[in-house]
Amino acid sequence: MKIGIMTFWWSEDNYGQLLQCFALQKYLRDAGHDAYLIRYDPRNDYYKTPFWKKVLKAFNPVKLFKFLSYKNRKRNDKLEKQNNPRSFEDFRNKYIKQSEKIYYSYQELKENPPEADVYIVGSDQIWNWIPPVNYVINILNAYLLNFGDASIKRISYAASFGKEQLDEVSISIFSALLKNFDYVSVREKSGIEICRKCGVSDAEWVPDPTMLLEKDVYRFLYKNEFIKKPEKPYCLLYMLGNECNYSIQLVYDWAKKMNLEVIYITGNLKHDKYEKYYATIPEWIYLTEHAEYVITNSYHCSVFSFVFKKKFGVIPLEKHDAGMNNRFDALFQLFEIQERYIKSDLSVINDDINWLSISEKFEEIKNNCKLKNILN
């Protein structure tokens, strides 16, 4: 069966984004399907701000400061990519089957839809594009699979809203398009209630696709690669650019007391004064597996901490990003453990985890995945 997958794929520094894309395709191809990534780039589908609004914003000192700060981060990010290549493009070309065409807009998807028997959207936060809706209406149509022939089967797998509720306008859009789906599943349990409000009463809560593969599949990715192996025991600190109210220096101070080095990797335009390690994806997997501890604000880094049985702690997100903490809540609930949020100190990182129970849960996840049955 030919399956076109719509998900995030274009990052040059978000390891979880590429690994979830790899995992779902790998799982489907191992099941005998001709699965491939539909290379849709949503960045050109943003609503273009009218010139008069740009002028008004230019005289708003707060927004001007935010704009200049963002531009500075983008510039720093570009320099880092030039000086410290992480080789994400090499990974995509080597391990992910991709559409020949890159779709630079929703209009291109409509005019020349990808060939497939089934479209699958997910996982990751592919439904987290609001507010305001009018800025991203084309993106919503794309990730709600509103293109291609009506006879093509439409499925969501572990799609994430990245929040616990939608506004009324968004609900009306999702309601109109989700009714065309043959099967709807979400990554967070809170997504079940959102789907219910959108008229989908039978949506299911399913694990992220990175949990569907055996750990040896991930080990294979670094097995024949050159890995610069750390000489001393270390803590892996992996931070994305989401809003957090936590001092990185506290992690370094704690690691020093524990006689550990800190290997600090960042993504999603995260910049600060500390020295970084610019790992390839195989290196990132190796460093996660062999760390003494893992500290992160990343959902997928938390998943891989479970995969490789690492003591780990999560730095919670704050302010406008706080709603995305439901991803971690869902993860703790799935594995039936106490939350591992790092608060005033790092004591939670040494709390025991029943790894036998975790291993049994992973087997249950793999055995109970419904994708194979749904696609037959």
Protein backbone atom coordinates (compact mmCIF):
# COMPACT_ATOMS: atom_id res chain seq x y z
CA MET A 1 0.00 0.00 0.00
CA LYS A 2 1.35 3.44 -0.94
CA ILE A 3 1.28 5.76 2.09
CA GLY A 4 2.07 9.48 2.07
CA ILE A 5 3.06 10.86 5.47
CA MET A 6 2.47 14.50 6.41
CA THR A 7 4.60 15.58 9.36
CA PHE A 8 7.39 17.93 10.39
CA TRP A 9 10.71 17.17 8.69
CA TRP A 10 12.69 20.29 7.76
CA SER A 11 14.49 21.11 11.02
CA GLU A 12 18.27 21.35 11.12
CA ASP A 13 18.57 21.13 14.92
CA ASN A 14 15.48 19.41 16.42
CA TYR A 15 16.48 15.78 16.86
CA GLY A 16 13.05 14.57 17.99
CA GLN A 17 11.39 16.01 14.90
CA LEU A 18 13.55 13.95 12.54
CA LEU A 19 13.44 10.81 14.68
CA GLN A 20 9.64 10.73 14.92
CA CYS A 21 9.51 11.19 11.14
CA PHE A 22 12.01 8.35 10.71
CA ALA A 23 10.24 6.08 13.20
CA LEU A 24 6.76 6.16 11.68
CA GLN A 25 8.07 5.59 8.17
CA LYS A 26 10.39 2.79 9.35
CA TYR A 27 7.51 1.08 11.17
CA LEU A 28 5.25 1.23 8.10
CA ARG A 29 7.93 0.13 5.64
CA ASP A 30 8.89 -2.79 7.86
CA ALA A 31 5.20 -3.77 7.73
CA GLY A 32 5.47 -4.00 3.94
CA HIS A 33 4.03 -0.62 2.90
CA ASP A 34 5.54 1.85 0.44
CA ALA A 35 5.57 4.71 2.93
CA TYR A 36 7.20 8.01 2.08
CA LEU A 37 7.41 11.56 3.44
CA ILE A 38 5.37 14.24 1.70
CA ARG A 39 7.76 17.18 1.80
CA TYR A 40 5.31 19.97 2.57
CA ASP A 41 7.03 23.14 3.84
CA PRO A 42 4.41 25.24 5.67
CA ARG A 43 6.60 28.28 6.21
CA ASN A 44 5.46 29.96 3.00
CA ASP A 45 1.80 29.49 3.92
CA TYR A 46 1.89 32.00 6.75
CA TYR A 47 -0.45 34.89 6.27
CA LYS A 48 1.46 37.87 4.90
CA THR A 49 1.14 40.85 7.22
CA PRO A 50 -0.13 43.97 5.40
CA PHE A 51 2.43 46.73 4.98
CA TRP A 52 0.45 49.19 7.10
CA LYS A 53 0.50 46.75 10.02
CA LYS A 54 4.24 46.33 9.65
CA VAL A 55 4.63 50.11 9.87
CA LEU A 56 2.53 50.27 13.05
CA LYS A 57 4.54 47.45 14.60
CA ALA A 58 7.75 49.26 13.77
CA PHE A 59 6.77 52.04 16.16
CA ASN A 60 5.85 49.66 18.97
CA PRO A 61 9.05 49.38 21.06
CA VAL A 62 8.10 46.06 22.66
CA LYS A 63 7.30 44.37 19.36
CA LEU A 64 10.33 45.97 17.73
CA PHE A 65 12.55 44.55 20.48
CA LYS A 66 11.01 41.08 20.06
CA PHE A 67 11.44 41.29 16.28
CA LEU A 68 15.09 42.32 16.53
CA SER A 69 15.76 39.64 19.15
CA TYR A 70 14.22 37.02 16.87
CA LYS A 71 16.28 38.24 13.93
CA ASN A 72 19.41 38.09 16.07
CA ARG A 73 18.64 34.51 17.12
CA LYS A 74 18.06 33.55 13.48
CA ARG A 75 21.38 35.12 12.52
CA ASN A 76 23.19 33.28 15.32
CA ASP A 77 21.47 30.07 14.32
CA LYS A 78 22.62 30.48 10.73
CA LEU A 79 26.21 31.02 11.85
CA GLU A 80 26.08 27.95 14.09
CA LYS A 81 24.80 25.80 11.24
CA GLN A 82 27.64 27.00 9.02
CA ASN A 83 30.33 26.46 11.64
CA ASN A 84 28.90 23.34 13.30
CA PRO A 85 26.99 21.25 10.76
CA ARG A 86 24.76 18.62 12.38
CA SER A 87 24.20 16.89 9.02
CA PHE A 88 20.42 16.62 9.32
CA GLU A 89 20.08 16.76 5.55
CA ASP A 90 22.43 13.79 5.23
CA PHE A 91 20.26 11.85 7.69
CA ARG A 92 17.08 12.65 5.75
CA ASN A 93 18.62 11.59 2.46
CA LYS A 94 20.03 8.37 3.93
CA TYR A 95 17.17 7.14 6.10
CA ILE A 96 13.91 8.80 5.01
CA LYS A 97 12.18 8.15 1.68
CA GLN A 98 10.89 11.50 0.47
CA SER A 99 8.65 12.86 -2.24
CA GLU A 100 10.62 14.14 -5.22
CA LYS A 101 8.68 17.36 -5.08
CA ILE A 102 8.74 19.84 -2.21
CA TYR A 103 5.31 21.41 -1.74
CA TYR A 104 5.88 25.02 -0.82
CA SER A 105 2.21 25.81 -0.23
CA TYR A 106 -1.15 24.23 0.45
CA GLN A 107 -2.22 25.40 -3.00
CA GLU A 108 0.47 23.17 -4.55
CA LEU A 109 -0.85 20.19 -2.56
CA LYS A 110 -4.33 20.83 -3.94
CA GLU A 111 -3.25 21.38 -7.54
CA ASN A 112 -0.83 18.44 -7.69
CA PRO A 113 -1.71 16.11 -4.79
CA PRO A 114 0.79 13.40 -3.81
CA GLU A 115 -0.05 9.91 -5.06
CA ALA A 116 -1.09 7.51 -2.33
CA ASP A 117 -3.67 4.98 -1.24
CA VAL A 118 -3.50 6.41 2.28
CA TYR A 119 -2.50 9.76 3.77
CA ILE A 120 -1.25 9.70 7.37
CA VAL A 121 -0.73 12.90 9.34
CA GLY A 122 1.40 12.75 12.48
CA SER A 123 3.00 12.64 14.83
CA ASP A 124 4.43 15.76 16.51
CA GLN A 125 2.54 19.03 17.02
CA ILE A 126 1.15 19.15 13.50
CA TRP A 127 -2.20 20.57 14.74
CA ASN A 128 -0.67 23.30 16.92
CA TRP A 129 -0.95 26.30 14.60
CA ILE A 130 -3.27 28.65 16.45
CA PRO A 131 -4.12 31.37 17.41
CA PRO A 132 -4.81 33.38 15.34
CA VAL A 133 -6.44 31.03 12.86
CA ASN A 134 -6.52 33.42 9.92
CA TYR A 135 -2.72 33.49 9.90
CA VAL A 136 -2.45 29.76 9.31
CA ILE A 137 -5.64 28.65 7.57
CA ASN A 138 -3.73 27.08 4.68
CA ILE A 139 -1.48 25.16 7.07
CA LEU A 140 -4.50 23.78 8.92
CA ASN A 141 -6.02 22.63 5.65
CA ALA A 142 -2.76 20.93 4.73
CA TYR A 143 -2.33 19.09 8.04
CA LEU A 144 -6.00 18.17 8.08
CA LEU A 145 -5.41 16.45 4.72
CA ASN A 146 -7.85 18.62 2.78
CA PHE A 147 -6.34 17.72 -0.59
CA GLY A 148 -6.25 14.72 -2.91
CA ASP A 149 -9.06 12.45 -4.11
CA ALA A 150 -11.88 11.67 -1.70
CA SER A 151 -11.24 7.94 -2.17
CA ILE A 152 -7.83 8.18 -0.46
CA LYS A 153 -7.94 6.91 3.10
CA ARG A 154 -7.12 9.56 5.71
CA ILE A 155 -5.59 8.74 9.09
CA SER A 156 -4.01 10.66 11.93
CA TYR A 157 -1.43 8.87 14.04
CA ALA A 158 -0.38 10.41 17.37
CA ALA A 159 -1.22 13.91 16.15
CA SER A 160 -0.64 16.56 18.80
CA PHE A 161 -2.57 19.79 19.39
CA GLY A 162 0.16 21.04 21.72
CA LYS A 163 -2.51 22.51 24.01
CA GLU A 164 -5.47 21.43 26.10
CA GLN A 165 -8.24 23.33 24.32
CA LEU A 166 -9.12 25.13 21.08
CA ASP A 167 -10.96 28.37 20.44
CA GLU A 168 -14.39 28.23 18.82
CA VAL A 169 -13.20 29.20 15.34
CA SER A 170 -10.58 26.44 15.39
CA ILE A 171 -13.14 23.91 16.58
CA SER A 172 -15.36 24.73 13.59
CA ILE A 173 -12.45 24.20 11.17
CA PHE A 174 -11.37 20.91 12.74
CA SER A 175 -14.98 19.72 12.91
CA ALA A 176 -15.48 20.30 9.19
CA LEU A 177 -12.31 18.44 8.14
CA LEU A 178 -11.91 15.67 10.71
CA LYS A 179 -15.18 14.15 9.53
CA ASN A 180 -13.30 13.11 6.37
CA PHE A 181 -10.87 10.95 8.38
CA ASP A 182 -11.19 7.17 8.52
CA TYR A 183 -9.30 6.97 11.82
CA VAL A 184 -8.20 9.63 14.31
CA SER A 185 -5.62 9.12 17.02
CA VAL A 186 -3.81 11.68 19.18
CA ARG A 187 -0.60 11.70 21.18
CA GLU A 188 -1.92 13.33 24.36
CA LYS A 189 -4.92 12.19 26.32
CA SER A 190 -6.19 15.78 26.39
CA GLY A 191 -6.53 15.51 22.61
CA ILE A 192 -9.38 13.01 23.07
CA GLU A 193 -11.59 15.71 24.61
CA ILE A 194 -10.62 18.21 21.91
CA CYS A 195 -11.61 15.70 19.23
CA ARG A 196 -14.90 15.06 21.00
CA LYS A 197 -15.66 18.79 20.86
CA CYS A 198 -14.86 18.61 17.14
CA GLY A 199 -17.40 15.85 16.58
CA VAL A 200 -15.04 12.86 16.69
CA SER A 201 -16.24 10.59 19.48
CA ASP A 202 -14.01 7.60 18.73
CA ALA A 203 -10.56 9.22 18.66
CA GLU A 204 -7.89 7.13 20.38
CA TRP A 205 -4.89 7.97 22.52
CA VAL A 206 -1.77 6.31 21.08
CA PRO A 207 1.98 6.45 21.79
CA ASP A 208 4.44 8.47 19.74
CA PRO A 209 5.89 6.44 16.82
CA THR A 210 9.39 6.62 18.34
CA MET A 211 8.08 4.05 20.86
CA LEU A 212 7.15 1.54 18.15
CA LEU A 213 10.72 0.56 17.26
CA GLU A 214 13.16 -1.64 19.13
CA LYS A 215 16.12 0.15 20.70
CA ASP A 216 18.51 -1.80 18.44
CA VAL A 217 17.00 0.03 15.46
CA TYR A 218 18.24 3.29 16.96
CA ARG A 219 21.59 1.76 17.90
CA PHE A 220 22.03 0.73 14.27
CA LEU A 221 21.96 4.41 13.30
CA TYR A 222 25.21 5.09 15.15
CA LYS A 223 26.80 1.64 14.87
CA ASN A 224 28.87 2.41 11.76
CA GLU A 225 29.26 6.14 12.35
CA PHE A 226 32.25 7.94 13.78
CA ILE A 227 31.26 8.95 17.30
CA LYS A 228 33.48 11.15 19.44
CA LYS A 229 32.98 9.30 22.70
CA PRO A 230 33.22 11.31 25.91
CA GLU A 231 36.20 10.41 28.09
CA LYS A 232 34.47 11.13 31.42
CA PRO A 233 31.02 10.38 32.88
CA TYR A 234 28.59 13.08 31.83
CA CYS A 235 25.11 14.50 32.08
CA LEU A 236 23.36 15.18 28.78
CA LEU A 237 21.57 18.53 28.81
CA TYR A 238 19.30 18.92 25.79
CA MET A 239 17.27 22.11 25.61
CA LEU A 240 14.89 23.44 22.96
CA GLY A 241 14.11 27.12 22.58
CA ASN A 242 10.79 27.02 24.44
CA GLU A 243 10.13 29.34 27.36
CA CYS A 244 11.55 28.00 30.64
CA ASN A 245 12.16 29.66 33.97
CA TYR A 246 15.25 27.74 35.02
CA SER A 247 18.92 28.57 35.40
CA ILE A 248 21.24 26.50 33.24
CA GLN A 249 24.02 27.37 35.68
CA LEU A 250 22.25 25.33 38.37
CA VAL A 251 22.63 22.24 36.17
CA TYR A 252 26.36 22.90 35.79
CA ASP A 253 26.73 23.45 39.54
CA TRP A 254 24.88 20.20 40.28
CA ALA A 255 26.95 18.27 37.74
CA LYS A 256 30.17 19.56 39.28
CA LYS A 257 29.09 18.26 42.69
CA MET A 258 28.31 14.89 41.07
CA ASN A 259 31.75 14.89 39.40
CA LEU A 260 30.14 14.87 35.96
CA GLU A 261 30.86 16.71 32.76
CA VAL A 262 27.96 18.45 31.00
CA ILE A 263 27.36 17.83 27.32
CA TYR A 264 25.01 20.62 26.29
CA ILE A 265 23.02 20.31 23.05
CA THR A 266 20.38 22.81 21.96
CA GLY A 267 17.76 23.13 19.25
CA ASN A 268 14.95 25.36 17.95
CA LEU A 269 16.94 28.60 18.12
CA LYS A 270 18.04 28.09 21.72
CA HIS A 271 21.03 30.36 22.40
CA ASP A 272 22.92 31.30 25.53
CA LYS A 273 26.49 31.83 26.77
CA TYR A 274 27.32 28.18 27.47
CA GLU A 275 29.46 25.98 25.24
CA LYS A 276 27.42 23.69 23.00
CA TYR A 277 27.97 20.33 21.36
CA TYR A 278 26.63 20.14 17.80
CA ALA A 279 25.82 16.46 17.45
CA THR A 280 24.64 14.60 14.39
CA ILE A 281 21.48 12.54 14.91
CA PRO A 282 23.46 9.28 15.39
CA GLU A 283 25.70 11.08 17.91
CA TRP A 284 22.67 12.44 19.77
CA ILE A 285 21.27 8.91 20.11
CA TYR A 286 24.64 7.59 21.33
CA LEU A 287 25.05 10.43 23.82
CA THR A 288 21.54 9.91 25.17
CA GLU A 289 22.06 6.18 25.64
CA HIS A 290 25.43 6.50 27.40
CA ALA A 291 24.70 9.48 29.67
CA GLU A 292 24.66 9.04 33.44
CA TYR A 293 21.73 11.46 33.58
CA VAL A 294 19.55 13.31 31.07
CA ILE A 295 18.05 16.75 31.71
CA THR A 296 15.77 18.22 29.08
CA ASN A 297 12.70 20.25 28.17
CA SER A 298 12.14 18.08 25.09
CA TYR A 299 9.35 15.53 24.78
CA HIS A 300 11.28 13.23 22.48
CA CYS A 301 14.43 13.37 24.58
CA SER A 302 12.24 12.23 27.48
CA VAL A 303 10.94 9.37 25.33
CA PHE A 304 14.48 8.25 24.51
CA SER A 305 15.36 8.43 28.20
CA PHE A 306 12.70 5.76 28.69
CA VAL A 307 13.92 3.78 25.68
CA PHE A 308 17.48 3.64 27.05
CA LYS A 309 16.52 3.45 30.76
CA LYS A 310 18.16 6.69 31.81
CA LYS A 311 17.69 8.63 35.01
CA PHE A 312 16.19 11.87 33.74
CA GLY A 313 14.42 15.05 34.73
CA VAL A 314 12.20 17.44 32.79
CA ILE A 315 12.49 21.21 32.98
CA PRO A 316 8.85 22.35 32.60
CA LEU A 317 7.82 24.95 30.06
CA GLU A 318 6.51 28.32 31.17
CA LYS A 319 4.29 31.22 30.07
CA HIS A 320 2.79 30.81 26.57
CA ASP A 321 4.49 27.41 26.19
CA ALA A 322 3.13 25.99 29.46
CA GLY A 323 0.23 24.25 27.67
CA MET A 324 2.74 21.95 26.00
CA ASN A 325 3.59 20.37 29.35
CA ASN A 326 0.59 18.09 28.76
CA ARG A 327 2.93 16.09 26.49
CA PHE A 328 5.05 15.20 29.52
CA ASP A 329 1.98 14.57 31.67
CA ALA A 330 0.74 12.10 29.04
CA LEU A 331 4.14 10.41 29.00
CA PHE A 332 4.23 10.00 32.79
CA GLN A 333 0.67 8.69 32.72
CA LEU A 334 1.42 6.25 29.91
CA PHE A 335 4.31 4.70 31.84
CA GLU A 336 2.52 5.01 35.18
CA ILE A 337 5.27 6.90 36.98
CA GLN A 338 5.35 10.04 39.13
CA GLU A 339 6.04 13.27 37.28
CA ARG A 340 9.73 14.07 36.91
CA TYR A 341 9.61 17.86 36.68
CA ILE A 342 12.70 19.63 37.96
CA LYS A 343 11.61 22.41 40.32
CA SER A 344 13.86 24.22 42.80
CA ASP A 345 16.48 21.47 42.83
CA LEU A 346 17.39 18.34 40.87
CA SER A 347 16.50 15.74 43.51
CA VAL A 348 13.74 14.23 41.35
CA ILE A 349 16.33 13.01 38.88
CA ASN A 350 17.42 10.29 41.32
CA ASP A 351 13.89 9.03 42.03
CA ASP A 352 13.64 5.33 41.24
CA ILE A 353 11.91 4.07 38.12
CA ASN A 354 10.59 0.52 37.77
CA TRP A 355 12.40 -0.37 34.57
CA LEU A 356 10.88 -3.83 34.38
CA SER A 357 7.44 -2.21 34.26
CA ILE A 358 8.68 0.24 31.61
CA SER A 359 9.99 -2.62 29.46
CA GLU A 360 6.68 -4.43 29.74
CA LYS A 361 4.85 -1.24 28.72
CA PHE A 362 7.03 -0.89 25.62
CA GLU A 363 6.19 -4.45 24.59
CA GLU A 364 2.51 -3.74 25.15
CA ILE A 365 2.77 -0.60 23.00
CA LYS A 366 4.37 -2.50 20.13
CA ASN A 367 1.95 -5.44 20.35
CA ASN A 368 -1.17 -3.29 20.56
CA CYS A 369 -0.43 -0.80 17.79
CA LYS A 370 -3.52 -0.71 15.57
CA LEU A 371 -1.90 0.80 12.48
CA LYS A 372 -1.29 -2.55 10.80
CA ASN A 373 -4.93 -3.62 11.24
CA ILE A 374 -6.29 -0.25 10.15
CA LEU A 375 -4.23 -0.31 6.97
CA ASN A 376 -5.31 -3.83 5.97
